[in-house]
Structures are given as C-alpha cells and as structure tokens.
Amino acid sequence: MAAPTQYAALGRRKTAVARVYLRPGAGTFVVNKRPLDTYFPLAWNRKSATAPFDVTGTSGQFDVLVNAKGGGTTGQVEAIRLGIARALVIFNEENRKPLRDAGFLTRDPRAVERKKYGRPKARKRFQFSKR
C-alpha cells in the first residue's frame, strides 16, 4: 500500500481548534492562508508551534497547512503544536515516545472557570463587612 500524501490531525487548547495537515515538502508553514511569520509575529510563538519538528528531527521535511479558529494567539499556538505532534505520530509511530516525553501529546485541559451568580467574578467575592 502506498504511503498517504498527507497526514491530518486535530489540536485543541482552551477554545482554540487547529486542523493541521502535513504534506511532504520543503518546510513551508501556512496558518489561515498566511505565512507563520506574519500570523505569529512573536518569536516564542513560532518556536512553540514548530517545537515537535525539533524534538523528532523532522524540520524542513513537511509543508504545514493549518486552519486555526477560536481562542487567542497562545491557545492557537498550543493547539497547532498538539495537532502537529499528533500528525507526526500518524506519520511514524516511533515519534510517539520523544513527543510524549516532551509533553506535546497531552491536551492541556485548563480553561477559564465560569462566573458564578452573586459574585463579581468566578471566585472573587464582594467585600465583607462585619458591622
């Protein structure tokens, strides 16, 4: 059976969802039809998004196409990172251990706690007055 021409995976974080497609290629990285540099101007965001390639030693082997929606920049970056890590495991099962050790295959469950009624925020209370 022939190898697939693309590896697809889904990544989520907070309210962000990233559909990631890896295709064998020269290493172009496109997020929502824009290059990675313009979509994420901060260097640490770009480094975090491409970290799974550094861990597995597959930098420059894949063209990455991402559709990201929801959340903010940090949520989208971490959703993209999870999606890339999952797609690399589909590509080669031997990538699972290094990605798992780096913590890239674990979906971060933390999200904003809902606001409770009768309070100004989720946990904050109004000032208490004894008299």
Protein backbone atom coordinates (compact mmCIF):
# COMPACT_ATOMS: atom_id res chain seq x y z
CA MET A 1 0.00 0.00 0.00
CA ALA A 2 1.28 3.47 -0.91
CA ALA A 3 2.10 6.00 1.80
CA PRO A 4 -0.53 8.72 2.20
CA THR A 5 0.22 12.07 0.58
CA GLN A 6 -0.87 14.00 3.66
CA TYR A 7 -1.18 13.47 7.41
CA ALA A 8 -4.06 15.27 9.14
CA ALA A 9 -4.67 15.79 12.85
CA LEU A 10 -6.68 17.99 15.16
CA GLY A 11 -5.33 20.03 18.07
CA ARG A 12 -7.31 21.85 20.74
CA ARG A 13 -6.46 24.23 23.59
CA LYS A 14 -8.87 26.37 25.63
CA THR A 15 -11.39 27.44 22.95
CA ALA A 16 -8.94 27.23 20.04
CA VAL A 17 -9.16 24.47 17.44
CA ALA A 18 -6.43 23.81 14.84
CA ARG A 19 -6.77 21.45 11.90
CA VAL A 20 -3.23 20.54 10.84
CA TYR A 21 -2.18 18.98 7.53
CA LEU A 22 1.39 17.76 6.99
CA ARG A 23 2.49 17.15 3.41
CA PRO A 24 5.97 16.00 2.38
CA GLY A 25 7.76 19.09 1.11
CA ALA A 26 10.29 21.85 1.67
CA GLY A 27 9.11 23.16 5.03
CA THR A 28 6.64 25.95 4.23
CA PHE A 29 4.32 26.80 7.13
CA VAL A 30 0.94 28.41 6.38
CA VAL A 31 -1.61 29.35 9.06
CA ASN A 32 -5.02 30.58 7.84
CA LYS A 33 -3.59 31.33 4.37
CA ARG A 34 -0.81 33.47 5.86
CA PRO A 35 2.88 32.63 6.44
CA LEU A 36 3.83 31.68 10.00
CA ASP A 37 5.97 34.85 10.41
CA THR A 38 3.07 37.21 9.70
CA TYR A 39 0.40 35.24 11.60
CA PHE A 40 2.55 34.86 14.73
CA PRO A 41 4.94 37.86 14.87
CA LEU A 42 6.39 36.86 18.27
CA ALA A 43 9.39 34.53 18.07
CA TRP A 44 8.38 32.36 21.05
CA ASN A 45 5.01 31.64 19.40
CA ARG A 46 6.72 30.43 16.23
CA LYS A 47 9.24 28.39 18.24
CA SER A 48 6.47 26.75 20.26
CA ALA A 49 4.45 25.90 17.13
CA THR A 50 7.42 24.24 15.41
CA ALA A 51 8.80 22.51 18.54
CA PRO A 52 7.51 19.00 17.62
CA PHE A 53 9.66 19.08 14.46
CA ASP A 54 12.75 19.94 16.53
CA VAL A 55 12.07 17.12 19.02
CA THR A 56 11.62 14.49 16.28
CA GLY A 57 14.33 15.85 13.97
CA THR A 58 11.93 16.31 11.05
CA SER A 59 12.46 20.06 10.49
CA GLY A 60 12.07 21.04 6.85
CA GLN A 61 10.63 17.69 5.74
CA PHE A 62 6.98 18.74 5.69
CA ASP A 63 4.86 21.56 4.33
CA VAL A 64 2.40 22.51 7.07
CA LEU A 65 -1.08 23.83 6.34
CA VAL A 66 -3.14 24.92 9.36
CA ASN A 67 -6.72 26.12 9.77
CA ALA A 68 -6.95 27.68 13.24
CA LYS A 69 -10.02 29.26 14.76
CA GLY A 70 -11.22 30.38 18.16
CA GLY A 71 -9.26 31.44 21.21
CA GLY A 72 -6.32 33.80 21.29
CA THR A 73 -2.78 33.55 19.99
CA THR A 74 -1.44 31.37 22.82
CA GLY A 75 -4.37 28.96 22.59
CA GLN A 76 -3.97 28.70 18.83
CA VAL A 77 -0.20 28.16 19.07
CA GLU A 78 -0.62 25.32 21.57
CA ALA A 79 -3.46 23.81 19.53
CA ILE A 80 -1.21 23.87 16.46
CA ARG A 81 1.60 22.25 18.46
CA LEU A 82 -0.69 19.42 19.58
CA GLY A 83 -2.01 18.94 16.03
CA ILE A 84 1.50 18.75 14.57
CA ALA A 85 2.58 16.27 17.25
CA ARG A 86 -0.43 14.03 16.56
CA ALA A 87 0.19 14.18 12.79
CA LEU A 88 3.86 13.23 13.30
CA VAL A 89 2.75 10.16 15.27
CA ILE A 90 0.45 9.19 12.37
CA PHE A 91 3.42 9.65 10.03
CA ASN A 92 5.75 7.48 12.14
CA GLU A 93 4.78 5.65 15.33
CA GLU A 94 8.39 5.88 16.58
CA ASN A 95 7.84 9.62 17.11
CA ARG A 96 5.39 8.89 19.94
CA LYS A 97 7.96 8.41 22.73
CA PRO A 98 10.00 11.62 22.19
CA LEU A 99 6.85 13.68 21.71
CA ARG A 100 5.23 12.15 24.81
CA ASP A 101 8.40 12.81 26.86
CA ALA A 102 8.37 16.45 25.73
CA GLY A 103 4.70 16.72 26.74
CA PHE A 104 3.42 17.53 23.25
CA LEU A 105 0.84 14.73 23.04
CA THR A 106 -1.09 15.74 26.16
CA ARG A 107 -4.09 18.00 25.62
CA ASP A 108 -3.97 20.77 28.22
CA PRO A 109 -7.43 20.65 29.88
CA ARG A 110 -7.22 24.02 31.63
CA ALA A 111 -9.89 26.51 30.60
CA VAL A 112 -11.49 29.62 32.02
CA GLU A 113 -13.70 28.92 35.02
CA ARG A 114 -17.25 30.15 34.64
CA LYS A 115 -18.56 33.16 36.55
CA LYS A 116 -20.89 32.29 39.44
CA TYR A 117 -24.05 34.25 40.16
CA GLY A 118 -23.95 36.64 43.11
CA ARG A 119 -20.21 37.20 42.67
CA PRO A 120 -18.19 39.71 40.67
CA LYS A 121 -16.02 37.00 39.04
CA ALA A 122 -15.61 33.23 39.23
CA ARG A 123 -14.07 33.18 42.73
CA LYS A 124 -13.86 36.80 43.81
CA ARG A 125 -16.34 37.87 46.47
CA PHE A 126 -17.69 41.27 47.42
CA GLN A 127 -16.00 42.95 50.39
CA PHE A 128 -17.12 41.55 53.73
CA SER A 129 -18.24 44.00 56.41
CA LYS A 130 -18.72 42.79 59.96
CA ARG A 131 -20.58 45.95 61.09
